[in-house]
Protein backbone atom coordinates (compact mmCIF):
# COMPACT_ATOMS: atom_id res chain seq x y z
CA MET A 1 -59.49 93.97 9.80
CA GLY A 2 -56.27 95.40 10.98
CA ALA A 3 -54.33 94.94 13.70
CA LYS A 4 -54.16 97.94 16.74
CA PRO A 5 -51.81 100.67 16.97
CA LYS A 6 -49.51 99.76 19.76
CA LEU A 7 -51.07 102.29 22.49
CA ILE A 8 -48.84 104.25 25.00
CA GLY A 9 -48.01 106.25 27.83
CA LYS A 10 -50.99 108.70 28.34
CA ASN A 11 -53.18 107.47 25.22
CA ARG A 12 -52.79 103.60 26.66
CA LEU A 13 -54.81 105.20 29.44
CA LEU A 14 -57.40 106.93 27.74
CA SER A 15 -58.11 104.74 25.18
CA ASP A 16 -58.44 101.96 28.35
CA ILE A 17 -60.57 104.34 30.53
CA LEU A 18 -62.85 104.18 26.95
CA ALA A 19 -62.75 100.38 27.08
CA LEU A 20 -64.43 100.49 30.59
CA ILE A 21 -66.97 103.47 30.21
CA SER A 22 -67.81 101.16 27.05
CA HIS A 23 -67.95 98.01 29.18
CA TYR A 24 -70.18 99.37 31.51
CA SER A 25 -72.58 100.77 28.77
CA TRP A 26 -72.96 97.28 27.36
CA ALA A 27 -73.35 95.89 30.57
CA ARG A 28 -76.12 97.88 31.61
CA GLN A 29 -77.65 97.29 28.54
CA GLN A 30 -77.54 93.52 28.93
CA THR A 31 -78.89 93.50 32.94
CA ASN A 32 -82.50 95.16 34.01
CA LEU A 33 -80.43 95.86 37.71
CA PRO A 34 -77.95 98.58 37.15
CA ASN A 35 -74.49 97.90 38.21
CA ARG A 36 -72.82 101.00 40.79
CA SER A 37 -70.10 99.32 41.84
CA VAL A 38 -68.60 99.82 38.55
CA LEU A 39 -69.92 103.08 37.50
CA PHE A 40 -68.41 103.77 40.78
CA ARG A 41 -64.76 101.68 40.23
CA ILE A 42 -64.57 103.98 36.69
CA LEU A 43 -64.89 107.37 38.60
CA PHE A 44 -62.58 106.32 41.05
CA ILE A 45 -60.71 105.32 37.65
CA LEU A 46 -61.31 108.88 36.84
CA GLN A 47 -60.02 110.70 39.59
CA VAL A 48 -56.91 108.92 39.31
CA VAL A 49 -56.32 110.02 35.74
CA ARG A 50 -56.59 113.70 36.41
CA LEU A 51 -53.93 112.80 38.88
CA VAL A 52 -51.26 110.65 36.46
CA LEU A 53 -52.26 113.42 33.91
CA THR A 54 -51.14 116.78 35.70
CA TYR A 55 -48.41 118.83 33.95
CA ASN A 56 -44.70 117.86 36.50
CA PHE A 57 -44.27 121.73 36.34
CA SER A 58 -40.38 120.67 37.49
CA ASN A 59 -39.21 122.07 33.44
CA CYS A 60 -40.45 125.01 34.48
CA ASN A 61 -38.28 128.74 34.09
CA SER A 62 -39.07 129.68 37.70
CA GLU A 63 -37.16 132.36 37.02
CA LYS A 64 -39.13 134.10 34.61
CA ILE A 65 -42.59 133.35 36.67
CA LEU A 66 -41.01 134.98 39.59
CA LYS A 67 -39.91 138.17 37.96
CA ILE A 68 -43.71 138.25 36.05
CA TYR A 69 -45.31 137.58 39.77
CA GLY A 70 -43.74 140.09 40.60
CA ALA A 71 -44.27 142.75 38.08
CA LEU A 72 -47.76 141.78 37.68
CA ILE A 73 -49.71 138.93 39.40
CA SER A 74 -49.08 139.86 42.89
CA THR A 75 -50.39 143.24 41.90
CA ASP A 76 -53.92 141.53 40.51
CA LEU A 77 -54.01 139.61 43.43
CA CYS A 78 -53.61 142.26 46.11
CA LYS A 79 -55.74 144.51 44.41
CA ASP A 80 -58.96 141.18 45.16
CA LEU A 81 -57.99 140.95 48.64
CA ASP A 82 -57.85 144.74 49.09
CA LYS A 83 -55.43 144.24 52.99
CA ASP A 84 -57.35 140.51 53.99
CA LYS A 85 -55.47 138.45 56.15
CA PHE A 86 -54.77 135.17 56.23
CA ASP A 87 -56.77 132.29 57.55
CA GLN A 88 -55.61 128.49 56.98
CA ILE A 89 -52.25 128.94 54.81
CA LYS A 90 -51.23 125.81 52.23
CA ASP A 91 -48.46 125.25 51.68
CA CYS A 92 -45.91 123.65 49.38
CA ASP A 93 -41.76 122.37 49.64
CA SER A 94 -40.97 122.70 46.06
CA ARG A 95 -40.57 125.58 43.51
CA PRO A 96 -42.84 122.20 41.26
CA ALA A 97 -45.09 121.41 44.06
CA CYS A 98 -46.48 124.86 44.51
CA LEU A 99 -47.26 125.66 40.72
CA LEU A 100 -48.71 122.60 40.52
CA LYS A 101 -51.03 124.33 43.99
CA ILE A 102 -51.08 127.63 42.53
CA GLU A 103 -51.87 126.07 39.40
CA HIS A 104 -55.20 123.97 40.74
CA TYR A 105 -55.81 126.57 43.09
CA THR A 106 -56.27 129.07 40.60
CA LEU A 107 -57.48 127.58 37.22
CA ASN A 108 -60.09 125.29 38.46
CA PRO A 109 -63.26 126.74 39.62
CA ILE A 110 -64.85 125.68 43.10
CA ALA A 111 -68.48 125.62 44.42
CA GLY A 112 -68.73 129.27 45.35
CA CYS A 113 -66.55 130.88 43.31
CA PRO A 114 -66.98 130.03 39.68
CA SER A 115 -65.48 133.64 37.91
CA LEU A 116 -62.29 132.77 39.48
CA PRO A 117 -60.01 131.33 36.19
CA ASP A 118 -61.76 134.62 34.89
CA LYS A 119 -59.75 137.12 37.16
CA ASP A 120 -56.56 139.32 36.03
CA PHE A 121 -54.58 137.33 38.09
CA ALA A 122 -55.63 133.84 37.46
CA LEU A 123 -55.27 134.74 33.41
CA ARG A 124 -51.85 136.15 33.75
CA THR A 125 -50.51 132.79 36.19
CA LYS A 126 -52.13 130.89 33.24
CA GLU A 127 -50.19 133.03 30.68
CA ALA A 128 -47.30 132.74 32.69
CA LEU A 129 -47.39 128.85 32.85
CA ILE A 130 -47.56 128.56 29.56
CA HIS A 131 -45.14 130.69 28.20
CA ASN A 132 -42.19 129.85 30.91
CA CYS A 133 -43.74 125.85 31.45
CA PRO A 134 -42.80 123.16 27.89
CA GLY A 135 -45.72 121.33 26.64
CA TYR A 136 -47.76 122.74 29.65
CA SER A 137 -51.77 124.00 28.15
CA GLU A 138 -54.60 124.65 30.67
CA PRO A 139 -56.20 122.32 32.08
CA GLU A 140 -60.43 121.56 31.06
CA ARG A 141 -62.49 123.93 33.67
CA ASN A 142 -65.50 121.66 35.19
CA ARG A 143 -68.26 124.47 34.75
CA THR A 144 -71.39 122.58 36.78
CA GLU A 145 -74.56 124.28 38.10
CA GLU A 146 -74.03 123.95 41.40
CA MET A 147 -71.35 126.91 40.84
CA ALA A 148 -73.38 128.90 40.05
CA GLN A 149 -73.98 131.05 42.54
CA GLU A 150 -71.15 133.71 43.90
CA VAL A 151 -70.27 133.69 47.67
CA GLU A 152 -67.50 136.48 48.27
CA ASN A 153 -66.51 135.00 51.41
CA ILE A 154 -65.28 131.60 49.32
CA CYS A 155 -63.48 133.77 46.54
CA ARG A 156 -61.70 136.09 49.05
CA ASN A 157 -60.86 133.02 50.82
CA GLN A 158 -59.49 131.39 47.55
CA THR A 159 -57.69 133.98 46.47
CA LEU A 160 -55.87 133.97 49.75
CA GLN A 161 -54.86 130.36 49.19
CA ILE A 162 -53.39 130.98 46.26
CA LEU A 163 -51.66 134.00 47.33
CA GLY A 164 -49.82 131.89 50.20
CA LEU A 165 -48.65 129.45 47.89
CA TRP A 166 -47.02 132.17 45.74
CA PHE A 167 -44.90 133.33 49.43
CA SER A 168 -44.35 129.64 49.32
CA PHE A 169 -43.61 129.46 45.67
CA ILE A 170 -40.61 132.91 46.15
CA GLN A 171 -39.37 130.72 49.21
CA SER A 172 -38.49 127.92 47.63
CA PRO A 173 -35.11 127.15 46.73
CA PRO A 174 -34.44 126.90 43.05
CA GLN A 175 -34.53 123.64 41.48
CA ASN A 176 -31.99 121.97 39.92
């Protein structure tokens, strides 16, 4: 049998996770009792991996993204909100941090608001990130049964949070 290729970075991490999952499957077959601690460890690792594999927005062309926001995204956001007022606003301290939060809140559906990533402002945000952030690719969406029902207040609040993050992005100083 040939030697395994040396994996680095994300590929190595994904390989280790797959090995851990296959080990869990093997351990369950060998015993009658489910080993919940191993399962919880796997779930914890997968949550950490999602954080590690998050895109670093420091290489984005913030000025072009600002122009796209001003010309297109802000209009779509305001149309969706219809003069609602801010409640508890999320904040960020730099443009890359703002883009990270904007991307997360805009493109990841939440329980009670599964349609958010399909709204015009979300599609335009995704396009702006794809075209102005080298190497960026859209995250996988988590669509589950529990998110099937839309709740207007939840969507409106999430949209307000996104608008607040865009305001923070605008006010943040450019990265050097």
